C-alpha atoms as a PDB file:
ATOM      1  CA  UNK A   1      52.100 -80.008 -15.138  1.00  0.00           C
ATOM      2  CA  UNK A   2      50.798 -83.550 -14.037  1.00  0.00           C
ATOM      3  CA  UNK A   3      52.428 -86.350 -15.985  1.00  0.00           C
ATOM      4  CA  UNK A   4      50.590 -88.235 -18.821  1.00  0.00           C
ATOM      5  CA  UNK A   5      50.300 -92.006 -17.915  1.00  0.00           C
ATOM      6  CA  UNK A   6      53.177 -94.243 -18.918  1.00  0.00           C
ATOM      7  CA  UNK A   7      53.648 -95.372 -22.471  1.00  0.00           C
ATOM      8  CA  UNK A   8      53.720 -98.840 -23.628  1.00  0.00           C
ATOM      9  CA  UNK A   9      57.502 -99.554 -24.031  1.00  0.00           C
ATOM     10  CA  UNK A  10      57.033-101.429 -27.395  1.00  0.00           C
ATOM     11  CA  UNK A  11      55.790 -98.188 -28.825  1.00  0.00           C
ATOM     12  CA  UNK A  12      59.116 -96.544 -28.397  1.00  0.00           C
ATOM     13  CA  UNK A  13      60.594 -98.641 -31.214  1.00  0.00           C
ATOM     14  CA  UNK A  14      57.783 -98.532 -33.518  1.00  0.00           C
ATOM     15  CA  UNK A  15      56.763 -94.885 -34.040  1.00  0.00           C
ATOM     16  CA  UNK A  16      59.385 -93.711 -36.251  1.00  0.00           C
ATOM     17  CA  UNK A  17      57.875 -93.142 -39.739  1.00  0.00           C
ATOM     18  CA  UNK A  18      55.050 -91.682 -41.644  1.00  0.00           C
ATOM     19  CA  UNK A  19      54.168 -95.139 -42.933  1.00  0.00           C
ATOM     20  CA  UNK A  20      53.909 -96.263 -39.356  1.00  0.00           C
ATOM     21  CA  UNK A  21      51.585 -93.525 -38.389  1.00  0.00           C
ATOM     22  CA  UNK A  22      49.315 -94.055 -41.482  1.00  0.00           C
ATOM     23  CA  UNK A  23      48.809 -97.553 -40.224  1.00  0.00           C
ATOM     24  CA  UNK A  24      48.149 -96.446 -36.655  1.00  0.00           C
ATOM     25  CA  UNK A  25      45.543 -93.912 -37.629  1.00  0.00           C
ATOM     26  CA  UNK A  26      43.500 -96.498 -39.658  1.00  0.00           C
ATOM     27  CA  UNK A  27      40.109 -97.082 -37.967  1.00  0.00           C
ATOM     28  CA  UNK A  28      40.933-100.642 -37.993  1.00  0.00           C
ATOM     29  CA  UNK A  29      43.567-100.177 -35.466  1.00  0.00           C
ATOM     30  CA  UNK A  30      42.422-100.704 -31.903  1.00  0.00           C
ATOM     31  CA  UNK A  31      41.431 -97.608 -29.949  1.00  0.00           C
ATOM     32  CA  UNK A  32      43.706 -98.691 -27.043  1.00  0.00           C
ATOM     33  CA  UNK A  33      46.822 -98.656 -29.477  1.00  0.00           C
ATOM     34  CA  UNK A  34      45.938 -95.387 -31.028  1.00  0.00           C
ATOM     35  CA  UNK A  35      45.602 -93.815 -27.600  1.00  0.00           C
ATOM     36  CA  UNK A  36      49.018 -95.195 -26.465  1.00  0.00           C
ATOM     37  CA  UNK A  37      50.572 -94.009 -29.726  1.00  0.00           C
ATOM     38  CA  UNK A  38      49.014 -90.633 -29.323  1.00  0.00           C
ATOM     39  CA  UNK A  39      50.547 -90.239 -25.818  1.00  0.00           C
ATOM     40  CA  UNK A  40      54.064 -91.276 -27.206  1.00  0.00           C
ATOM     41  CA  UNK A  41      53.758 -88.702 -30.126  1.00  0.00           C
ATOM     42  CA  UNK A  42      52.656 -86.130 -27.575  1.00  0.00           C
ATOM     43  CA  UNK A  43      55.563 -86.658 -25.256  1.00  0.00           C
ATOM     44  CA  UNK A  44      57.972 -86.670 -28.050  1.00  0.00           C
ATOM     45  CA  UNK A  45      56.636 -83.238 -29.256  1.00  0.00           C
ATOM     46  CA  UNK A  46      55.291 -84.613 -32.573  1.00  0.00           C
ATOM     47  CA  UNK A  47      51.999 -82.852 -32.178  1.00  0.00           C
ATOM     48  CA  UNK A  48      50.800 -82.954 -35.750  1.00  0.00           C
ATOM     49  CA  UNK A  49      50.649 -86.593 -35.398  1.00  0.00           C
ATOM     50  CA  UNK A  50      49.315 -86.682 -31.824  1.00  0.00           C
ATOM     51  CA  UNK A  51      46.472 -84.345 -32.423  1.00  0.00           C
ATOM     52  CA  UNK A  52      44.484 -86.517 -35.177  1.00  0.00           C
ATOM     53  CA  UNK A  53      45.003 -89.553 -33.081  1.00  0.00           C
ATOM     54  CA  UNK A  54      43.618 -87.831 -29.995  1.00  0.00           C
ATOM     55  CA  UNK A  55      40.651 -86.427 -31.852  1.00  0.00           C
ATOM     56  CA  UNK A  56      39.590 -90.058 -32.944  1.00  0.00           C
ATOM     57  CA  UNK A  57      40.235 -91.684 -29.270  1.00  0.00           C
ATOM     58  CA  UNK A  58      38.246 -88.952 -27.586  1.00  0.00           C
ATOM     59  CA  UNK A  59      35.138 -89.952 -29.322  1.00  0.00           C
ATOM     60  CA  UNK A  60      35.642 -93.771 -28.662  1.00  0.00           C
ATOM     61  CA  UNK A  61      36.521 -93.309 -24.953  1.00  0.00           C
ATOM     62  CA  UNK A  62      33.828 -90.573 -24.419  1.00  0.00           C
ATOM     63  CA  UNK A  63      32.940 -90.063 -20.746  1.00  0.00           C
ATOM     64  CA  UNK A  64      36.052 -91.996 -19.473  1.00  0.00           C
ATOM     65  CA  UNK A  65      39.237 -91.013 -17.728  1.00  0.00           C
ATOM     66  CA  UNK A  66      41.164 -91.658 -21.094  1.00  0.00           C
ATOM     67  CA  UNK A  67      38.806 -89.248 -22.899  1.00  0.00           C
ATOM     68  CA  UNK A  68      39.586 -86.606 -20.145  1.00  0.00           C
ATOM     69  CA  UNK A  69      43.259 -86.984 -20.432  1.00  0.00           C
ATOM     70  CA  UNK A  70      43.070 -87.118 -24.230  1.00  0.00           C
ATOM     71  CA  UNK A  71      40.985 -83.734 -24.418  1.00  0.00           C
ATOM     72  CA  UNK A  72      43.525 -81.879 -22.545  1.00  0.00           C
ATOM     73  CA  UNK A  73      46.443 -83.323 -24.440  1.00  0.00           C
ATOM     74  CA  UNK A  74      44.573 -82.342 -27.523  1.00  0.00           C
ATOM     75  CA  UNK A  75      44.305 -78.764 -26.291  1.00  0.00           C
ATOM     76  CA  UNK A  76      48.128 -78.767 -25.420  1.00  0.00           C
ATOM     77  CA  UNK A  77      48.970 -80.004 -28.886  1.00  0.00           C
ATOM     78  CA  UNK A  78      47.347 -77.176 -30.594  1.00  0.00           C
ATOM     79  CA  UNK A  79      48.893 -74.703 -27.880  1.00  0.00           C
ATOM     80  CA  UNK A  80      52.383 -76.017 -28.633  1.00  0.00           C
ATOM     81  CA  UNK A  81      51.659 -75.893 -32.209  1.00  0.00           C
ATOM     82  CA  UNK A  82      50.954 -72.064 -31.822  1.00  0.00           C
ATOM     83  CA  UNK A  83      47.367 -72.593 -33.007  1.00  0.00           C
ATOM     84  CA  UNK A  84      46.114 -70.640 -30.051  1.00  0.00           C
ATOM     85  CA  UNK A  85      42.591 -70.051 -31.209  1.00  0.00           C
ATOM     86  CA  UNK A  86      41.940 -73.729 -31.626  1.00  0.00           C
ATOM     87  CA  UNK A  87      43.735 -74.490 -28.325  1.00  0.00           C
ATOM     88  CA  UNK A  88      41.518 -72.214 -26.454  1.00  0.00           C
ATOM     89  CA  UNK A  89      38.456 -73.826 -27.805  1.00  0.00           C
ATOM     90  CA  UNK A  90      39.588 -77.289 -26.759  1.00  0.00           C
ATOM     91  CA  UNK A  91      40.556 -76.022 -23.226  1.00  0.00           C
ATOM     92  CA  UNK A  92      37.234 -74.424 -22.800  1.00  0.00           C
ATOM     93  CA  UNK A  93      35.602 -77.529 -23.966  1.00  0.00           C
ATOM     94  CA  UNK A  94      37.686 -79.432 -21.280  1.00  0.00           C
ATOM     95  CA  UNK A  95      36.631 -77.515 -18.230  1.00  0.00           C
ATOM     96  CA  UNK A  96      33.093 -77.202 -19.329  1.00  0.00           C
ATOM     97  CA  UNK A  97      32.892 -81.120 -19.939  1.00  0.00           C
ATOM     98  CA  UNK A  98      34.958 -81.873 -16.662  1.00  0.00           C
ATOM     99  CA  UNK A  99      34.754 -78.886 -14.490  1.00  0.00           C
ATOM    100  CA  UNK A 100      36.151 -81.102 -11.489  1.00  0.00           C
ATOM    101  CA  UNK A 101      38.512 -83.079 -13.774  1.00  0.00           C
ATOM    102  CA  UNK A 102      42.144 -83.507 -12.857  1.00  0.00           C
ATOM    103  CA  UNK A 103      43.249 -81.118 -15.450  1.00  0.00           C
ATOM    104  CA  UNK A 104      40.588 -78.440 -14.899  1.00  0.00           C
ATOM    105  CA  UNK A 105      42.859 -76.007 -13.174  1.00  0.00           C
ATOM    106  CA  UNK A 106      45.373 -76.229 -16.141  1.00  0.00           C
ATOM    107  CA  UNK A 107      42.514 -76.033 -18.836  1.00  0.00           C
ATOM    108  CA  UNK A 108      41.159 -72.874 -17.340  1.00  0.00           C
ATOM    109  CA  UNK A 109      44.696 -71.366 -17.139  1.00  0.00           C
ATOM    110  CA  UNK A 110      45.645 -72.334 -20.697  1.00  0.00           C
ATOM    111  CA  UNK A 111      42.298 -71.215 -22.050  1.00  0.00           C
ATOM    112  CA  UNK A 112      43.053 -67.768 -20.985  1.00  0.00           C
ATOM    113  CA  UNK A 113      46.825 -67.934 -21.897  1.00  0.00           C
ATOM    114  CA  UNK A 114      46.044 -69.298 -25.486  1.00  0.00           C
ATOM    115  CA  UNK A 115      43.806 -66.004 -26.022  1.00  0.00           C
ATOM    116  CA  UNK A 116      46.655 -64.052 -24.553  1.00  0.00           C
ATOM    117  CA  UNK A 117      49.173 -65.390 -26.993  1.00  0.00           C
ATOM    118  CA  UNK A 118      46.810 -64.404 -29.793  1.00  0.00           C
ATOM    119  CA  UNK A 119      45.927 -60.841 -28.823  1.00  0.00           C
ATOM    120  CA  UNK A 120      46.447 -58.291 -31.612  1.00  0.00           C
ATOM    121  CA  UNK A 121      48.517 -55.076 -31.541  1.00  0.00           C
ATOM    122  CA  UNK A 122      46.899 -52.112 -29.751  1.00  0.00           C
ATOM    123  CA  UNK A 123      45.941 -50.528 -32.999  1.00  0.00           C
ATOM    124  CA  UNK A 124      43.633 -53.562 -33.967  1.00  0.00           C
ATOM    125  CA  UNK A 125      40.527 -55.104 -32.802  1.00  0.00           C
ATOM    126  CA  UNK A 126      40.721 -56.034 -29.074  1.00  0.00           C
ATOM    127  CA  UNK A 127      37.998 -58.735 -28.930  1.00  0.00           C
ATOM    128  CA  UNK A 128      40.419 -61.468 -27.953  1.00  0.00           C
ATOM    129  CA  UNK A 129      42.025 -59.366 -25.167  1.00  0.00           C
ATOM    130  CA  UNK A 130      38.679 -58.633 -23.500  1.00  0.00           C
ATOM    131  CA  UNK A 131      38.065 -62.593 -23.728  1.00  0.00           C
ATOM    132  CA  UNK A 132      41.461 -63.328 -22.495  1.00  0.00           C
ATOM    133  CA  UNK A 133      41.060 -61.209 -19.535  1.00  0.00           C
ATOM    134  CA  UNK A 134      37.596 -62.716 -18.811  1.00  0.00           C
ATOM    135  CA  UNK A 135      39.087 -66.303 -18.790  1.00  0.00           C
ATOM    136  CA  UNK A 136      41.850 -65.219 -16.484  1.00  0.00           C
ATOM    137  CA  UNK A 137      39.639 -63.629 -14.095  1.00  0.00           C
ATOM    138  CA  UNK A 138      37.494 -66.730 -13.916  1.00  0.00           C
ATOM    139  CA  UNK A 139      40.712 -68.794 -13.556  1.00  0.00           C
ATOM    140  CA  UNK A 140      41.475 -66.804 -10.505  1.00  0.00           C
ATOM    141  CA  UNK A 141      37.944 -67.049  -9.082  1.00  0.00           C
ATOM    142  CA  UNK A 142      37.872 -70.818  -9.539  1.00  0.00           C
ATOM    143  CA  UNK A 143      41.329 -71.395  -8.326  1.00  0.00           C
ATOM    144  CA  UNK A 144      42.543 -68.630  -6.091  1.00  0.00           C
ATOM    145  CA  UNK A 145      45.296 -70.775  -4.348  1.00  0.00           C
ATOM    146  CA  UNK A 146      46.736 -71.878  -7.497  1.00  0.00           C
ATOM    147  CA  UNK A 147      50.415 -71.374  -8.018  1.00  0.00           C
ATOM    148  CA  UNK A 148      49.556 -70.083 -11.399  1.00  0.00           C
ATOM    149  CA  UNK A 149      47.626 -67.148  -9.965  1.00  0.00           C
ATOM    150  CA  UNK A 150      50.507 -64.696 -10.058  1.00  0.00           C
ATOM    151  CA  UNK A 151      51.407 -65.571 -13.703  1.00  0.00           C
ATOM    152  CA  UNK A 152      47.488 -65.080 -14.540  1.00  0.00           C
ATOM    153  CA  UNK A 153      47.511 -61.496 -12.839  1.00  0.00           C
ATOM    154  CA  UNK A 154      50.572 -60.623 -14.668  1.00  0.00           C
ATOM    155  CA  UNK A 155      49.090 -61.350 -17.931  1.00  0.00           C
ATOM    156  CA  UNK A 156      45.922 -59.359 -16.943  1.00  0.00           C
ATOM    157  CA  UNK A 157      48.056 -56.422 -16.306  1.00  0.00           C
ATOM    158  CA  UNK A 158      49.683 -56.650 -19.542  1.00  0.00           C
ATOM    159  CA  UNK A 159      46.552 -57.053 -21.356  1.00  0.00           C
ATOM    160  CA  UNK A 160      45.173 -53.990 -19.391  1.00  0.00           C
ATOM    161  CA  UNK A 161      47.948 -51.974 -20.661  1.00  0.00           C
ATOM    162  CA  UNK A 162      47.210 -53.014 -24.419  1.00  0.00           C
ATOM    163  CA  UNK A 163      43.509 -51.882 -23.910  1.00  0.00           C
ATOM    164  CA  UNK A 164      44.951 -48.551 -22.387  1.00  0.00           C
ATOM    165  CA  UNK A 165      47.374 -48.280 -25.226  1.00  0.00           C
ATOM    166  CA  UNK A 166      44.507 -48.348 -27.710  1.00  0.00           C
ATOM    167  CA  UNK A 167      42.649 -45.766 -25.703  1.00  0.00           C
ATOM    168  CA  UNK A 168      45.832 -43.677 -25.742  1.00  0.00           C
ATOM    169  CA  UNK A 169      46.311 -43.885 -29.358  1.00  0.00           C
ATOM    170  CA  UNK A 170      42.564 -42.928 -29.904  1.00  0.00           C
ATOM    171  CA  UNK A 171      43.014 -39.870 -27.531  1.00  0.00           C
ATOM    172  CA  UNK A 172      46.278 -38.769 -29.446  1.00  0.00           C
ATOM    173  CA  UNK A 173      44.497 -39.038 -32.743  1.00  0.00           C
ATOM    174  CA  UNK A 174      41.626 -36.962 -31.719  1.00  0.00           C
ATOM    175  CA  UNK A 175      44.119 -34.387 -30.347  1.00  0.00           C
ATOM    176  CA  UNK A 176      46.005 -34.325 -33.711  1.00  0.00           C
ATOM    177  CA  UNK A 177      42.822 -33.863 -35.596  1.00  0.00           C
ATOM    178  CA  UNK A 178      42.202 -30.693 -33.608  1.00  0.00           C
ATOM    179  CA  UNK A 179      39.656 -28.476 -35.323  1.00  0.00           C
ATOM    180  CA  UNK A 180      39.616 -30.665 -38.433  1.00  0.00           C
ATOM    181  CA  UNK A 181      36.070 -31.571 -39.341  1.00  0.00           C
ATOM    182  CA  UNK A 182      34.934 -29.763 -36.160  1.00  0.00           C
ATOM    183  CA  UNK A 183      31.376 -29.626 -37.414  1.00  0.00           C
ATOM    184  CA  UNK A 184      31.231 -33.361 -36.727  1.00  0.00           C
ATOM    185  CA  UNK A 185      31.953 -32.781 -32.954  1.00  0.00           C
ATOM    186  CA  UNK A 186      34.645 -31.390 -30.858  1.00  0.00           C
ATOM    187  CA  UNK A 187      37.984 -33.483 -31.268  1.00  0.00           C
ATOM    188  CA  UNK A 188      39.713 -31.926 -28.257  1.00  0.00           C
ATOM    189  CA  UNK A 189      36.670 -32.837 -26.016  1.00  0.00           C
ATOM    190  CA  UNK A 190      36.597 -36.361 -27.551  1.00  0.00           C
ATOM    191  CA  UNK A 191      40.437 -36.545 -26.698  1.00  0.00           C
ATOM    192  CA  UNK A 192      39.824 -35.583 -23.101  1.00  0.00           C
ATOM    193  CA  UNK A 193      36.812 -38.054 -22.657  1.00  0.00           C
ATOM    194  CA  UNK A 194      38.876 -40.945 -24.021  1.00  0.00           C
ATOM    195  CA  UNK A 195      41.891 -40.302 -22.025  1.00  0.00           C
ATOM    196  CA  UNK A 196      39.974 -39.699 -18.628  1.00  0.00           C
ATOM    197  CA  UNK A 197      37.847 -42.892 -19.144  1.00  0.00           C
ATOM    198  CA  UNK A 198      41.023 -44.836 -19.645  1.00  0.00           C
ATOM    199  CA  UNK A 199      42.426 -43.168 -16.412  1.00  0.00           C
ATOM    200  CA  UNK A 200      39.296 -44.000 -14.684  1.00  0.00           C
ATOM    201  CA  UNK A 201      39.108 -47.603 -15.909  1.00  0.00           C
ATOM    202  CA  UNK A 202      42.748 -48.491 -15.415  1.00  0.00           C
ATOM    203  CA  UNK A 203      44.051 -46.186 -12.623  1.00  0.00           C
ATOM    204  CA  UNK A 204      47.494 -47.966 -12.192  1.00  0.00           C
ATOM    205  CA  UNK A 205      48.432 -48.340 -15.870  1.00  0.00           C
ATOM    206  CA  UNK A 206      51.847 -47.508 -16.818  1.00  0.00           C
ATOM    207  CA  UNK A 207      50.569 -44.958 -19.393  1.00  0.00           C
ATOM    208  CA  UNK A 208      48.956 -42.752 -16.749  1.00  0.00           C
ATOM    209  CA  UNK A 209      51.461 -39.904 -17.145  1.00  0.00           C
ATOM    210  CA  UNK A 210      50.972 -39.992 -21.019  1.00  0.00           C
ATOM    211  CA  UNK A 211      47.255 -39.941 -20.754  1.00  0.00           C
ATOM    212  CA  UNK A 212      47.301 -37.069 -18.143  1.00  0.00           C
ATOM    213  CA  UNK A 213      49.477 -34.668 -20.024  1.00  0.00           C
ATOM    214  CA  UNK A 214      47.401 -35.343 -23.202  1.00  0.00           C
ATOM    215  CA  UNK A 215      44.282 -34.258 -21.097  1.00  0.00           C
ATOM    216  CA  UNK A 216      46.097 -30.951 -20.147  1.00  0.00           C
ATOM    217  CA  UNK A 217      47.158 -30.425 -23.860  1.00  0.00           C
ATOM    218  CA  UNK A 218      43.613 -30.877 -25.049  1.00  0.00           C
ATOM    219  CA  UNK A 219      42.055 -28.591 -22.443  1.00  0.00           C
ATOM    220  CA  UNK A 220      44.573 -25.850 -23.259  1.00  0.00           C
ATOM    221  CA  UNK A 221      43.969 -26.184 -26.956  1.00  0.00           C
ATOM    222  CA  UNK A 222      40.190 -26.341 -26.451  1.00  0.00           C
ATOM    223  CA  UNK A 223      40.421 -23.056 -24.541  1.00  0.00           C
ATOM    224  CA  UNK A 224      42.526 -21.480 -27.342  1.00  0.00           C
ATOM    225  CA  UNK A 225      40.122 -22.391 -29.776  1.00  0.00           C
ATOM    226  CA  UNK A 226      36.885 -21.643 -27.780  1.00  0.00           C
ATOM    227  CA  UNK A 227      34.458 -18.775 -28.659  1.00  0.00           C
ATOM    228  CA  UNK A 228      34.862 -15.724 -26.419  1.00  0.00           C
ATOM    229  CA  UNK A 229      32.295 -16.407 -23.919  1.00  0.00           C
ATOM    230  CA  UNK A 230      33.707 -19.957 -22.966  1.00  0.00           C
ATOM    231  CA  UNK A 231      37.489 -19.014 -23.062  1.00  0.00           C
ATOM    232  CA  UNK A 232      37.820 -17.915 -19.479  1.00  0.00           C
ATOM    233  CA  UNK A 233      36.086 -20.811 -18.124  1.00  0.00           C
ATOM    234  CA  UNK A 234      38.147 -23.329 -20.143  1.00  0.00           C
ATOM    235  CA  UNK A 235      41.512 -21.663 -19.363  1.00  0.00           C
ATOM    236  CA  UNK A 236      40.551 -22.057 -15.749  1.00  0.00           C
ATOM    237  CA  UNK A 237      39.760 -25.576 -16.403  1.00  0.00           C
ATOM    238  CA  UNK A 238      43.137 -26.002 -18.003  1.00  0.00           C
ATOM    239  CA  UNK A 239      44.832 -24.389 -14.952  1.00  0.00           C
ATOM    240  CA  UNK A 240      43.176 -26.792 -12.520  1.00  0.00           C
ATOM    241  CA  UNK A 241      44.471 -29.568 -14.645  1.00  0.00           C
ATOM    242  CA  UNK A 242      47.775 -28.230 -14.628  1.00  0.00           C
ATOM    243  CA  UNK A 243      47.795 -28.367 -10.802  1.00  0.00           C
ATOM    244  CA  UNK A 244      46.589 -32.012 -10.849  1.00  0.00           C
ATOM    245  CA  UNK A 245      49.257 -32.870 -13.327  1.00  0.00           C
ATOM    246  CA  UNK A 246      52.080 -31.168 -11.362  1.00  0.00           C
ATOM    247  CA  UNK A 247      50.776 -32.848  -7.920  1.00  0.00           C
ATOM    248  CA  UNK A 248      50.815 -36.212  -9.331  1.00  0.00           C
ATOM    249  CA  UNK A 249      53.913 -35.916 -11.513  1.00  0.00           C
ATOM    250  CA  UNK A 250      56.063 -33.227 -10.123  1.00  0.00           C
ATOM    251  CA  UNK A 251      59.291 -34.587 -11.777  1.00  0.00           C
ATOM    252  CA  UNK A 252      57.631 -35.419 -15.152  1.00  0.00           C
ATOM    253  CA  UNK A 253      59.557 -35.043 -18.388  1.00  0.00           C
ATOM    254  CA  UNK A 254      56.444 -32.857 -19.541  1.00  0.00           C
ATOM    255  CA  UNK A 255      56.721 -30.467 -16.655  1.00  0.00           C
ATOM    256  CA  UNK A 256      58.055 -27.698 -18.755  1.00  0.00           C
ATOM    257  CA  UNK A 257      55.528 -27.978 -21.341  1.00  0.00           C
ATOM    258  CA  UNK A 258      52.989 -27.983 -18.649  1.00  0.00           C
ATOM    259  CA  UNK A 259      54.301 -24.773 -17.020  1.00  0.00           C
ATOM    260  CA  UNK A 260      53.965 -23.157 -20.401  1.00  0.00           C
ATOM    261  CA  UNK A 261      50.209 -24.091 -20.601  1.00  0.00           C
ATOM    262  CA  UNK A 262      49.806 -22.640 -16.976  1.00  0.00           C
ATOM    263  CA  UNK A 263      51.496 -19.268 -17.657  1.00  0.00           C
ATOM    264  CA  UNK A 264      49.644 -18.724 -20.792  1.00  0.00           C
ATOM    265  CA  UNK A 265      46.306 -19.767 -19.246  1.00  0.00           C
ATOM    266  CA  UNK A 266      46.955 -17.416 -16.149  1.00  0.00           C
ATOM    267  CA  UNK A 267      47.753 -14.674 -18.427  1.00  0.00           C
ATOM    268  CA  UNK A 268      44.607 -14.808 -20.443  1.00  0.00           C
ATOM    269  CA  UNK A 269      42.406 -15.246 -17.174  1.00  0.00           C
ATOM    270  CA  UNK A 270      44.010 -12.207 -15.461  1.00  0.00           C
ATOM    271  CA  UNK A 271      43.830  -9.972 -18.498  1.00  0.00           C
END
């Protein structure tokens, strides 16, 4: 990360108490002094004092190099304080206001990383995950040669897996519901569609095997619970799915389970 400009040496002896901070933050204190004090608090990691000072000097230095630097530091204050939502807002404000600024690359990266740090568990709403992926994708597009590119891609892969895990949990729920409330729709079919869509959207996910065996399970169960005129067709579909699973995951821990579905399906089809 680029270094913030040097600090006036005299401040090193002065910024030591809350009473001193209260004097500095007063509107009567010169903007230049508050700016230098804000940088000192920032470097010392005292973000709760640096942030309000920076918010004030940004307005006073509007359009200047000091305003640009202060806005980036303000985003970092909230990031380091783990207020990731606010940090993301300030980083986005930075790269929108200063698209070619000195810290534009870092601002775009930390905008995405702030959202990444605040994403929810797979069971919960994933709006922020989608936003974080979008921000990271834009970062890579704007700065393809960045030395932060690999980190951005790694975070994107992790977030993709969060989205896939959410789909996996949904598919598992449909499977467990089985024929329950079947009048509202075919839960096994919903399981198959949800899992297959996840496999299509994220073909390299680490959950690929779990999704694939779930598709086979649901197809076999759907065949079992079908009306007579559809049974043979659906058992054949389960057999086809078995071959697909076996070819892709010959050493799977689920291969014994898959073999059972295959044997039972072939038995019905050959009767």
